[in-house]
Amino acid sequence: TMYLQMNSLKPADTAVYYCAARLVISTRVVQTTDPADFGSWGQGTQVT
């Protein structure tokens, strides 16, 4: 399981939030933050 703790929320944070996964070899690095590089996605959840 992965989590996102969101504090001090602002109206600008309103959106549908998605989790995503990318199969990688390296265990210690965030290789990319481009959504196009992530192949598996959650169903999305609304944050208002």
All heavy atoms as atom14 arrays in JSON, in Angstrom:
{
  "sequence": "TMYLQMNSLKPADTAVYYCAARLVISTRVVQTTDPADFGSWGQGTQVT",
  "atom14_mask": [
    [1, 1, 1, 1, 1, 1, 1, 0, 0, 0, 0, 0, 0, 0],
    [1, 1, 1, 1, 1, 1, 1, 1, 0, 0, 0, 0, 0, 0],
    [1, 1, 1, 1, 1, 1, 1, 1, 1, 1, 1, 1, 0, 0],
    [1, 1, 1, 1, 1, 1, 1, 1, 0, 0, 0, 0, 0, 0],
    [1, 1, 1, 1, 1, 1, 1, 1, 1, 0, 0, 0, 0, 0],
    [1, 1, 1, 1, 1, 1, 1, 1, 0, 0, 0, 0, 0, 0],
    [1, 1, 1, 1, 1, 1, 1, 1, 0, 0, 0, 0, 0, 0],
    [1, 1, 1, 1, 1, 1, 0, 0, 0, 0, 0, 0, 0, 0],
    [1, 1, 1, 1, 1, 1, 1, 1, 0, 0, 0, 0, 0, 0],
    [1, 1, 1, 1, 1, 1, 1, 1, 1, 0, 0, 0, 0, 0],
    [1, 1, 1, 1, 1, 1, 1, 0, 0, 0, 0, 0, 0, 0],
    [1, 1, 1, 1, 1, 0, 0, 0, 0, 0, 0, 0, 0, 0],
    [1, 1, 1, 1, 1, 1, 1, 1, 0, 0, 0, 0, 0, 0],
    [1, 1, 1, 1, 1, 1, 1, 0, 0, 0, 0, 0, 0, 0],
    [1, 1, 1, 1, 1, 0, 0, 0, 0, 0, 0, 0, 0, 0],
    [1, 1, 1, 1, 1, 1, 1, 0, 0, 0, 0, 0, 0, 0],
    [1, 1, 1, 1, 1, 1, 1, 1, 1, 1, 1, 1, 0, 0],
    [1, 1, 1, 1, 1, 1, 1, 1, 1, 1, 1, 1, 0, 0],
    [1, 1, 1, 1, 1, 1, 0, 0, 0, 0, 0, 0, 0, 0],
    [1, 1, 1, 1, 1, 0, 0, 0, 0, 0, 0, 0, 0, 0],
    [1, 1, 1, 1, 1, 0, 0, 0, 0, 0, 0, 0, 0, 0],
    [1, 1, 1, 1, 1, 1, 1, 1, 1, 1, 1, 0, 0, 0],
    [1, 1, 1, 1, 1, 1, 1, 1, 0, 0, 0, 0, 0, 0],
    [1, 1, 1, 1, 1, 1, 1, 0, 0, 0, 0, 0, 0, 0],
    [1, 1, 1, 1, 1, 1, 1, 1, 0, 0, 0, 0, 0, 0],
    [1, 1, 1, 1, 1, 1, 0, 0, 0, 0, 0, 0, 0, 0],
    [1, 1, 1, 1, 1, 1, 1, 0, 0, 0, 0, 0, 0, 0],
    [1, 1, 1, 1, 1, 1, 1, 1, 1, 1, 1, 0, 0, 0],
    [1, 1, 1, 1, 1, 1, 1, 0, 0, 0, 0, 0, 0, 0],
    [1, 1, 1, 1, 1, 1, 1, 0, 0, 0, 0, 0, 0, 0],
    [1, 1, 1, 1, 1, 1, 1, 1, 1, 0, 0, 0, 0, 0],
    [1, 1, 1, 1, 1, 1, 1, 0, 0, 0, 0, 0, 0, 0],
    [1, 1, 1, 1, 1, 1, 1, 0, 0, 0, 0, 0, 0, 0],
    [1, 1, 1, 1, 1, 1, 1, 1, 0, 0, 0, 0, 0, 0],
    [1, 1, 1, 1, 1, 1, 1, 0, 0, 0, 0, 0, 0, 0],
    [1, 1, 1, 1, 1, 0, 0, 0, 0, 0, 0, 0, 0, 0],
    [1, 1, 1, 1, 1, 1, 1, 1, 0, 0, 0, 0, 0, 0],
    [1, 1, 1, 1, 1, 1, 1, 1, 1, 1, 1, 0, 0, 0],
    [1, 1, 1, 1, 0, 0, 0, 0, 0, 0, 0, 0, 0, 0],
    [1, 1, 1, 1, 1, 1, 0, 0, 0, 0, 0, 0, 0, 0],
    [1, 1, 1, 1, 1, 1, 1, 1, 1, 1, 1, 1, 1, 1],
    [1, 1, 1, 1, 0, 0, 0, 0, 0, 0, 0, 0, 0, 0],
    [1, 1, 1, 1, 1, 1, 1, 1, 1, 0, 0, 0, 0, 0],
    [1, 1, 1, 1, 0, 0, 0, 0, 0, 0, 0, 0, 0, 0],
    [1, 1, 1, 1, 1, 1, 1, 0, 0, 0, 0, 0, 0, 0],
    [1, 1, 1, 1, 1, 1, 1, 1, 1, 0, 0, 0, 0, 0],
    [1, 1, 1, 1, 1, 1, 1, 0, 0, 0, 0, 0, 0, 0],
    [1, 1, 1, 1, 1, 1, 1, 0, 0, 0, 0, 0, 0, 0]
  ],
  "atom14_positions": [
    [[0.83, -1.2, 0.0], [0.0, 0.0, 0.0], [0.87, 1.25, 0.0], [1.91, 1.3, 0.65], [-0.92, 0.02, 1.23], [-1.74, -1.16, 1.21], [-1.84, 1.23, 1.21], [0.0, 0.0, 0.0], [0.0, 0.0, 0.0], [0.0, 0.0, 0.0], [0.0, 0.0, 0.0], [0.0, 0.0, 0.0], [0.0, 0.0, 0.0], [0.0, 0.0, 0.0]],
    [[0.4, 2.26, -0.74], [1.03, 3.57, -0.77], [0.03, 4.58, -0.2], [-1.18, 4.4, -0.32], [1.4, 3.95, -2.21], [1.95, 5.36, -2.35], [2.4, 5.77, -4.04], [0.82, 5.73, -4.88], [0.0, 0.0, 0.0], [0.0, 0.0, 0.0], [0.0, 0.0, 0.0], [0.0, 0.0, 0.0], [0.0, 0.0, 0.0], [0.0, 0.0, 0.0]],
    [[0.57, 5.65, 0.4], [-0.27, 6.65, 1.03], [0.12, 8.04, 0.56], [1.26, 8.29, 0.17], [-0.11, 6.59, 2.55], [-0.36, 5.22, 3.14], [0.71, 4.36, 3.4], [-1.65, 4.79, 3.43], [0.5, 3.1, 3.93], [-1.86, 3.53, 3.97], [-0.79, 2.69, 4.22], [-1.0, 1.45, 4.74], [0.0, 0.0, 0.0], [0.0, 0.0, 0.0]],
    [[-0.83, 8.95, 0.66], [-0.57, 10.37, 0.47], [-1.29, 11.12, 1.58], [-2.51, 11.19, 1.59], [-1.03, 10.86, -0.9], [-0.67, 12.31, -1.21], [0.85, 12.45, -1.38], [-1.39, 12.81, -2.46], [0.0, 0.0, 0.0], [0.0, 0.0, 0.0], [0.0, 0.0, 0.0], [0.0, 0.0, 0.0], [0.0, 0.0, 0.0], [0.0, 0.0, 0.0]],
    [[-0.5, 11.62, 2.52], [-1.05, 12.44, 3.6], [-1.05, 13.89, 3.12], [0.01, 14.43, 2.77], [-0.21, 12.31, 4.86], [-0.68, 13.16, 6.01], [-2.06, 12.76, 6.52], [-2.35, 11.58, 6.68], [-2.9, 13.75, 6.79], [0.0, 0.0, 0.0], [0.0, 0.0, 0.0], [0.0, 0.0, 0.0], [0.0, 0.0, 0.0], [0.0, 0.0, 0.0]],
    [[-2.21, 14.48, 3.09], [-2.37, 15.85, 2.59], [-2.81, 16.76, 3.73], [-3.91, 16.58, 4.26], [-3.38, 15.87, 1.45], [-3.04, 14.92, 0.31], [-4.19, 15.03, -1.07], [-5.67, 14.38, -0.32], [0.0, 0.0, 0.0], [0.0, 0.0, 0.0], [0.0, 0.0, 0.0], [0.0, 0.0, 0.0], [0.0, 0.0, 0.0], [0.0, 0.0, 0.0]],
    [[-1.97, 17.71, 4.08], [-2.26, 18.66, 5.13], [-2.35, 20.07, 4.56], [-1.89, 20.33, 3.45], [-1.18, 18.61, 6.21], [-1.09, 17.25, 6.88], [-2.08, 16.54, 7.01], [0.11, 16.89, 7.31], [0.0, 0.0, 0.0], [0.0, 0.0, 0.0], [0.0, 0.0, 0.0], [0.0, 0.0, 0.0], [0.0, 0.0, 0.0], [0.0, 0.0, 0.0]],
    [[-2.9, 20.97, 5.33], [-3.03, 22.38, 4.92], [-3.6, 22.49, 3.5], [-3.07, 23.22, 2.66], [-1.66, 23.08, 4.99], [-1.12, 23.0, 6.29], [0.0, 0.0, 0.0], [0.0, 0.0, 0.0], [0.0, 0.0, 0.0], [0.0, 0.0, 0.0], [0.0, 0.0, 0.0], [0.0, 0.0, 0.0], [0.0, 0.0, 0.0], [0.0, 0.0, 0.0]],
    [[-4.66, 21.78, 3.27], [-5.23, 21.73, 1.93], [-5.78, 23.09, 1.51], [-6.29, 23.87, 2.33], [-6.32, 20.68, 1.87], [-5.79, 19.25, 1.75], [-6.84, 18.24, 2.19], [-5.33, 18.96, 0.34], [0.0, 0.0, 0.0], [0.0, 0.0, 0.0], [0.0, 0.0, 0.0], [0.0, 0.0, 0.0], [0.0, 0.0, 0.0], [0.0, 0.0, 0.0]],
    [[-5.67, 23.35, 0.2], [-6.11, 24.59, -0.39], [-7.16, 24.29, -1.46], [-7.15, 23.2, -2.04], [-4.93, 25.3, -1.04], [-3.75, 25.55, -0.13], [-2.59, 26.14, -0.92], [-1.38, 26.36, -0.04], [-0.24, 26.93, -0.81], [0.0, 0.0, 0.0], [0.0, 0.0, 0.0], [0.0, 0.0, 0.0], [0.0, 0.0, 0.0], [0.0, 0.0, 0.0]],
    [[-8.01, 25.25, -1.77], [-8.96, 25.03, -2.88], [-8.26, 24.63, -4.19], [-8.81, 23.86, -4.97], [-9.66, 26.38, -2.99], [-9.63, 26.92, -1.6], [-8.3, 26.5, -1.05], [0.0, 0.0, 0.0], [0.0, 0.0, 0.0], [0.0, 0.0, 0.0], [0.0, 0.0, 0.0], [0.0, 0.0, 0.0], [0.0, 0.0, 0.0], [0.0, 0.0, 0.0]],
    [[-7.05, 25.13, -4.4], [-6.3, 24.79, -5.61], [-5.91, 23.32, -5.66], [-5.49, 22.82, -6.72], [-5.05, 25.65, -5.71], [0.0, 0.0, 0.0], [0.0, 0.0, 0.0], [0.0, 0.0, 0.0], [0.0, 0.0, 0.0], [0.0, 0.0, 0.0], [0.0, 0.0, 0.0], [0.0, 0.0, 0.0], [0.0, 0.0, 0.0], [0.0, 0.0, 0.0]],
    [[-6.03, 22.6, -4.54], [-5.73, 21.17, -4.52], [-6.9, 20.33, -5.01], [-6.77, 19.11, -5.14], [-5.34, 20.72, -3.11], [-4.06, 21.37, -2.61], [-3.1, 21.44, -3.4], [-4.03, 21.79, -1.44], [0.0, 0.0, 0.0], [0.0, 0.0, 0.0], [0.0, 0.0, 0.0], [0.0, 0.0, 0.0], [0.0, 0.0, 0.0], [0.0, 0.0, 0.0]],
    [[-8.04, 20.95, -5.25], [-9.21, 20.23, -5.72], [-8.95, 19.57, -7.07], [-8.52, 20.24, -8.02], [-10.41, 21.18, -5.83], [-10.75, 21.65, -4.52], [-11.61, 20.48, -6.45], [0.0, 0.0, 0.0], [0.0, 0.0, 0.0], [0.0, 0.0, 0.0], [0.0, 0.0, 0.0], [0.0, 0.0, 0.0], [0.0, 0.0, 0.0], [0.0, 0.0, 0.0]],
    [[-9.15, 18.26, -7.13], [-8.87, 17.5, -8.35], [-9.24, 16.04, -8.12], [-9.53, 15.64, -6.99], [-7.38, 17.59, -8.71], [0.0, 0.0, 0.0], [0.0, 0.0, 0.0], [0.0, 0.0, 0.0], [0.0, 0.0, 0.0], [0.0, 0.0, 0.0], [0.0, 0.0, 0.0], [0.0, 0.0, 0.0], [0.0, 0.0, 0.0], [0.0, 0.0, 0.0]],
    [[-9.21, 15.29, -9.19], [-9.25, 13.83, -9.07], [-7.81, 13.36, -8.91], [-6.95, 13.71, -9.73], [-9.91, 13.18, -10.29], [-9.86, 11.65, -10.16], [-11.36, 13.65, -10.43], [0.0, 0.0, 0.0], [0.0, 0.0, 0.0], [0.0, 0.0, 0.0], [0.0, 0.0, 0.0], [0.0, 0.0, 0.0], [0.0, 0.0, 0.0], [0.0, 0.0, 0.0]],
    [[-7.56, 12.6, -7.89], [-6.22, 12.11, -7.6], [-6.09, 10.65, -8.04], [-6.99, 9.84, -7.79], [-5.92, 12.22, -6.11], [-5.59, 13.63, -5.7], [-6.58, 14.62, -5.69], [-4.3, 14.01, -5.35], [-6.29, 15.93, -5.35], [-3.99, 15.31, -4.99], [-4.99, 16.28, -4.99], [-4.69, 17.57, -4.66], [0.0, 0.0, 0.0], [0.0, 0.0, 0.0]],
    [[-4.96, 10.35, -8.68], [-4.7, 9.02, -9.18], [-3.38, 8.5, -8.63], [-2.4, 9.23, -8.58], [-4.58, 9.02, -10.71], [-5.83, 9.43, -11.44], [-6.07, 10.77, -11.74], [-6.78, 8.49, -11.84], [-7.21, 11.16, -12.42], [-7.92, 8.86, -12.53], [-8.13, 10.2, -12.81], [-9.27, 10.58, -13.49], [0.0, 0.0, 0.0], [0.0, 0.0, 0.0]],
    [[-3.35, 7.22, -8.26], [-2.08, 6.6, -7.99], [-1.64, 5.84, -9.24], [-2.47, 5.45, -10.07], [-2.13, 5.67, -6.79], [-3.21, 4.23, -6.94], [0.0, 0.0, 0.0], [0.0, 0.0, 0.0], [0.0, 0.0, 0.0], [0.0, 0.0, 0.0], [0.0, 0.0, 0.0], [0.0, 0.0, 0.0], [0.0, 0.0, 0.0], [0.0, 0.0, 0.0]],
    [[-0.34, 5.65, -9.38], [0.19, 5.01, -10.57], [1.47, 4.26, -10.24], [2.15, 4.57, -9.27], [0.45, 6.05, -11.66], [0.0, 0.0, 0.0], [0.0, 0.0, 0.0], [0.0, 0.0, 0.0], [0.0, 0.0, 0.0], [0.0, 0.0, 0.0], [0.0, 0.0, 0.0], [0.0, 0.0, 0.0], [0.0, 0.0, 0.0], [0.0, 0.0, 0.0]],
    [[1.79, 3.3, -11.09], [2.96, 2.45, -10.87], [3.76, 2.28, -12.15], [3.2, 2.23, -13.25], [2.51, 1.08, -10.36], [0.0, 0.0, 0.0], [0.0, 0.0, 0.0], [0.0, 0.0, 0.0], [0.0, 0.0, 0.0], [0.0, 0.0, 0.0], [0.0, 0.0, 0.0], [0.0, 0.0, 0.0], [0.0, 0.0, 0.0], [0.0, 0.0, 0.0]],
    [[5.07, 2.19, -11.98], [5.98, 1.94, -13.1], [6.98, 0.88, -12.66], [7.66, 1.04, -11.63], [6.72, 3.2, -13.51], [7.79, 2.96, -14.58], [8.48, 4.25, -14.96], [9.66, 4.05, -15.77], [9.64, 3.93, -17.09], [8.5, 3.99, -17.75], [10.77, 3.74, -17.77], [0.0, 0.0, 0.0], [0.0, 0.0, 0.0], [0.0, 0.0, 0.0]],
    [[7.05, -0.19, -13.44], [8.0, -1.26, -13.14], [9.42, -0.78, -13.42], [9.71, -0.31, -14.53], [7.68, -2.49, -14.01], [8.5, -3.75, -13.73], [8.24, -4.27, -12.32], [8.18, -4.82, -14.76], [0.0, 0.0, 0.0], [0.0, 0.0, 0.0], [0.0, 0.0, 0.0], [0.0, 0.0, 0.0], [0.0, 0.0, 0.0], [0.0, 0.0, 0.0]],
    [[10.29, -0.84, -12.41], [11.66, -0.36, -12.55], [12.62, -1.34, -11.9], [12.23, -2.17, -11.07], [11.84, 1.04, -11.92], [11.01, 2.08, -12.65], [11.5, 1.02, -10.43], [0.0, 0.0, 0.0], [0.0, 0.0, 0.0], [0.0, 0.0, 0.0], [0.0, 0.0, 0.0], [0.0, 0.0, 0.0], [0.0, 0.0, 0.0], [0.0, 0.0, 0.0]],
    [[13.89, -1.19, -12.26], [14.91, -2.06, -11.68], [15.51, -1.46, -10.41], [15.62, -2.11, -9.37], [16.01, -2.36, -12.7], [15.44, -3.17, -13.88], [17.18, -3.11, -12.05], [16.42, -3.41, -14.98], [0.0, 0.0, 0.0], [0.0, 0.0, 0.0], [0.0, 0.0, 0.0], [0.0, 0.0, 0.0], [0.0, 0.0, 0.0], [0.0, 0.0, 0.0]],
    [[15.87, -0.19, -10.48], [16.51, 0.44, -9.35], [15.57, 0.55, -8.16], [14.41, 0.92, -8.32], [17.0, 1.84, -9.73], [17.48, 2.52, -8.6], [0.0, 0.0, 0.0], [0.0, 0.0, 0.0], [0.0, 0.0, 0.0], [0.0, 0.0, 0.0], [0.0, 0.0, 0.0], [0.0, 0.0, 0.0], [0.0, 0.0, 0.0], [0.0, 0.0, 0.0]],
    [[16.08, 0.25, -6.98], [15.24, 0.3, -5.79], [15.3, 1.64, -5.09], [14.44, 1.95, -4.26], [15.69, -0.77, -4.78], [17.04, -0.51, -4.4], [15.57, -2.17, -5.37], [0.0, 0.0, 0.0], [0.0, 0.0, 0.0], [0.0, 0.0, 0.0], [0.0, 0.0, 0.0], [0.0, 0.0, 0.0], [0.0, 0.0, 0.0], [0.0, 0.0, 0.0]],
    [[16.31, 2.45, -5.42], [16.6, 3.6, -4.57], [16.37, 4.96, -5.21], [16.61, 5.97, -4.57], [18.06, 3.52, -4.1], [18.33, 2.34, -3.2], [19.79, 2.28, -2.81], [20.64, 1.91, -3.92], [21.95, 1.79, -3.83], [22.56, 2.03, -2.69], [22.65, 1.44, -4.89], [0.0, 0.0, 0.0], [0.0, 0.0, 0.0], [0.0, 0.0, 0.0]],
    [[15.87, 5.0, -6.44], [15.79, 6.27, -7.15], [14.38, 6.49, -7.69], [13.72, 5.54, -8.1], [16.79, 6.29, -8.33], [16.75, 7.63, -9.04], [18.19, 5.97, -7.86], [0.0, 0.0, 0.0], [0.0, 0.0, 0.0], [0.0, 0.0, 0.0], [0.0, 0.0, 0.0], [0.0, 0.0, 0.0], [0.0, 0.0, 0.0], [0.0, 0.0, 0.0]],
    [[13.94, 7.75, -7.7], [12.73, 8.11, -8.43], [13.17, 8.45, -9.85], [13.73, 9.52, -10.11], [12.03, 9.31, -7.78], [10.86, 9.78, -8.66], [11.53, 8.94, -6.39], [0.0, 0.0, 0.0], [0.0, 0.0, 0.0], [0.0, 0.0, 0.0], [0.0, 0.0, 0.0], [0.0, 0.0, 0.0], [0.0, 0.0, 0.0], [0.0, 0.0, 0.0]],
    [[12.92, 7.52, -10.78], [13.47, 7.66, -12.12], [12.73, 8.69, -12.96], [13.3, 9.29, -13.86], [13.44, 6.32, -12.86], [14.42, 5.28, -12.33], [13.84, 4.48, -11.19], [12.8, 4.82, -10.63], [14.51, 3.38, -10.85], [0.0, 0.0, 0.0], [0.0, 0.0, 0.0], [0.0, 0.0, 0.0], [0.0, 0.0, 0.0], [0.0, 0.0, 0.0]],
    [[11.45, 8.85, -12.71], [10.64, 9.74, -13.54], [9.43, 10.22, -12.78], [8.96, 9.54, -11.86], [10.21, 9.0, -14.83], [9.39, 9.88, -15.62], [9.39, 7.76, -14.49], [0.0, 0.0, 0.0], [0.0, 0.0, 0.0], [0.0, 0.0, 0.0], [0.0, 0.0, 0.0], [0.0, 0.0, 0.0], [0.0, 0.0, 0.0], [0.0, 0.0, 0.0]],
    [[8.95, 11.4, -13.14], [7.7, 11.93, -12.6], [6.74, 12.27, -13.74], [5.74, 12.94, -13.51], [7.97, 13.18, -11.76], [8.61, 14.19, -12.58], [8.86, 12.86, -10.57], [0.0, 0.0, 0.0], [0.0, 0.0, 0.0], [0.0, 0.0, 0.0], [0.0, 0.0, 0.0], [0.0, 0.0, 0.0], [0.0, 0.0, 0.0], [0.0, 0.0, 0.0]],
    [[7.02, 11.79, -14.93], [6.17, 12.04, -16.09], [5.04, 11.03, -16.09], [5.3, 9.82, -16.15], [7.0, 11.91, -17.37], [6.22, 12.28, -18.61], [4.98, 12.29, -18.57], [6.86, 12.58, -19.63], [0.0, 0.0, 0.0], [0.0, 0.0, 0.0], [0.0, 0.0, 0.0], [0.0, 0.0, 0.0], [0.0, 0.0, 0.0], [0.0, 0.0, 0.0]],
    [[3.79, 11.47, -16.05], [2.68, 10.5, -16.02], [2.68, 9.56, -17.22], [2.2, 8.42, -17.11], [1.43, 11.38, -15.99], [1.86, 12.74, -16.4], [3.29, 12.86, -16.0], [0.0, 0.0, 0.0], [0.0, 0.0, 0.0], [0.0, 0.0, 0.0], [0.0, 0.0, 0.0], [0.0, 0.0, 0.0], [0.0, 0.0, 0.0], [0.0, 0.0, 0.0]],
    [[3.24, 9.98, -18.34], [3.28, 9.12, -19.52], [4.17, 7.89, -19.31], [4.05, 6.9, -20.06], [3.78, 9.91, -20.73], [0.0, 0.0, 0.0], [0.0, 0.0, 0.0], [0.0, 0.0, 0.0], [0.0, 0.0, 0.0], [0.0, 0.0, 0.0], [0.0, 0.0, 0.0], [0.0, 0.0, 0.0], [0.0, 0.0, 0.0], [0.0, 0.0, 0.0]],
    [[5.03, 7.93, -18.32], [5.94, 6.81, -18.06], [5.36, 5.77, -17.12], [5.97, 4.73, -16.89], [7.25, 7.34, -17.45], [8.05, 8.15, -18.44], [7.9, 7.93, -19.66], [8.83, 9.01, -17.99], [0.0, 0.0, 0.0], [0.0, 0.0, 0.0], [0.0, 0.0, 0.0], [0.0, 0.0, 0.0], [0.0, 0.0, 0.0], [0.0, 0.0, 0.0]],
    [[4.18, 6.02, -16.58], [3.55, 5.1, -15.63], [2.48, 4.28, -16.36], [1.59, 4.84, -16.98], [2.93, 5.88, -14.47], [3.96, 6.45, -13.53], [4.73, 7.55, -13.9], [4.18, 5.88, -12.29], [5.69, 8.06, -13.04], [5.13, 6.39, -11.42], [5.89, 7.49, -11.79], [0.0, 0.0, 0.0], [0.0, 0.0, 0.0], [0.0, 0.0, 0.0]],
    [[2.57, 2.97, -16.25], [1.71, 2.11, -17.04], [0.47, 1.58, -16.34], [-0.47, 1.13, -17.0], [0.0, 0.0, 0.0], [0.0, 0.0, 0.0], [0.0, 0.0, 0.0], [0.0, 0.0, 0.0], [0.0, 0.0, 0.0], [0.0, 0.0, 0.0], [0.0, 0.0, 0.0], [0.0, 0.0, 0.0], [0.0, 0.0, 0.0], [0.0, 0.0, 0.0]],
    [[0.46, 1.63, -15.02], [-0.68, 1.1, -14.27], [-1.26, 2.21, -13.4], [-0.51, 2.92, -12.73], [-0.25, -0.07, -13.38], [0.27, -1.13, -14.17], [0.0, 0.0, 0.0], [0.0, 0.0, 0.0], [0.0, 0.0, 0.0], [0.0, 0.0, 0.0], [0.0, 0.0, 0.0], [0.0, 0.0, 0.0], [0.0, 0.0, 0.0], [0.0, 0.0, 0.0]],
    [[-2.58, 2.3, -13.4], [-3.26, 3.4, -12.73], [-4.39, 2.91, -11.85], [-5.06, 1.91, -12.18], [-3.82, 4.39, -13.76], [-2.74, 5.11, -14.5], [-2.02, 4.67, -15.58], [-2.22, 6.41, -14.19], [-1.1, 5.61, -15.95], [-1.2, 6.69, -15.13], [-2.52, 7.36, -13.22], [-0.48, 7.9, -15.11], [-1.81, 8.55, -13.22], [-0.8, 8.81, -14.14]],
    [[-4.6, 3.64, -10.74], [-5.78, 3.43, -9.93], [-7.0, 4.06, -10.58], [-6.9, 4.72, -11.62], [0.0, 0.0, 0.0], [0.0, 0.0, 0.0], [0.0, 0.0, 0.0], [0.0, 0.0, 0.0], [0.0, 0.0, 0.0], [0.0, 0.0, 0.0], [0.0, 0.0, 0.0], [0.0, 0.0, 0.0], [0.0, 0.0, 0.0], [0.0, 0.0, 0.0]],
    [[-8.14, 3.88, -9.93], [-9.41, 4.33, -10.52], [-9.67, 5.82, -10.33], [-10.57, 6.36, -10.96], [-10.58, 3.52, -9.93], [-11.06, 3.98, -8.56], [-10.27, 3.4, -7.41], [-9.16, 2.91, -7.57], [-10.86, 3.45, -6.22], [0.0, 0.0, 0.0], [0.0, 0.0, 0.0], [0.0, 0.0, 0.0], [0.0, 0.0, 0.0], [0.0, 0.0, 0.0]],
    [[-8.89, 6.46, -9.5], [-9.07, 7.88, -9.24], [-10.02, 8.11, -8.07], [-10.95, 7.33, -7.84], [0.0, 0.0, 0.0], [0.0, 0.0, 0.0], [0.0, 0.0, 0.0], [0.0, 0.0, 0.0], [0.0, 0.0, 0.0], [0.0, 0.0, 0.0], [0.0, 0.0, 0.0], [0.0, 0.0, 0.0], [0.0, 0.0, 0.0], [0.0, 0.0, 0.0]],
    [[-9.76, 9.18, -7.33], [-10.62, 9.55, -6.23], [-10.71, 11.07, -6.15], [-9.71, 11.77, -6.32], [-10.1, 8.96, -4.9], [-11.04, 9.19, -3.87], [-8.76, 9.54, -4.51], [0.0, 0.0, 0.0], [0.0, 0.0, 0.0], [0.0, 0.0, 0.0], [0.0, 0.0, 0.0], [0.0, 0.0, 0.0], [0.0, 0.0, 0.0], [0.0, 0.0, 0.0]],
    [[-11.9, 11.57, -5.91], [-12.13, 13.02, -5.9], [-11.71, 13.62, -4.56], [-12.07, 13.1, -3.5], [-13.6, 13.33, -6.15], [-13.95, 14.81, -6.12], [-13.39, 15.58, -7.31], [-13.46, 15.11, -8.44], [-12.79, 16.75, -7.03], [0.0, 0.0, 0.0], [0.0, 0.0, 0.0], [0.0, 0.0, 0.0], [0.0, 0.0, 0.0], [0.0, 0.0, 0.0]],
    [[-10.97, 14.69, -4.64], [-10.64, 15.52, -3.48], [-11.17, 16.91, -3.75], [-10.8, 17.53, -4.76], [-9.12, 15.56, -3.22], [-8.79, 16.59, -2.15], [-8.61, 14.18, -2.82], [0.0, 0.0, 0.0], [0.0, 0.0, 0.0], [0.0, 0.0, 0.0], [0.0, 0.0, 0.0], [0.0, 0.0, 0.0], [0.0, 0.0, 0.0], [0.0, 0.0, 0.0]],
    [[-12.03, 17.4, -2.88], [-12.61, 18.72, -3.02], [-12.32, 19.53, -1.77], [-12.65, 19.09, -0.67], [-14.11, 18.66, -3.27], [-14.38, 17.86, -4.43], [-14.69, 20.05, -3.47], [0.0, 0.0, 0.0], [0.0, 0.0, 0.0], [0.0, 0.0, 0.0], [0.0, 0.0, 0.0], [0.0, 0.0, 0.0], [0.0, 0.0, 0.0], [0.0, 0.0, 0.0]]
  ]
}
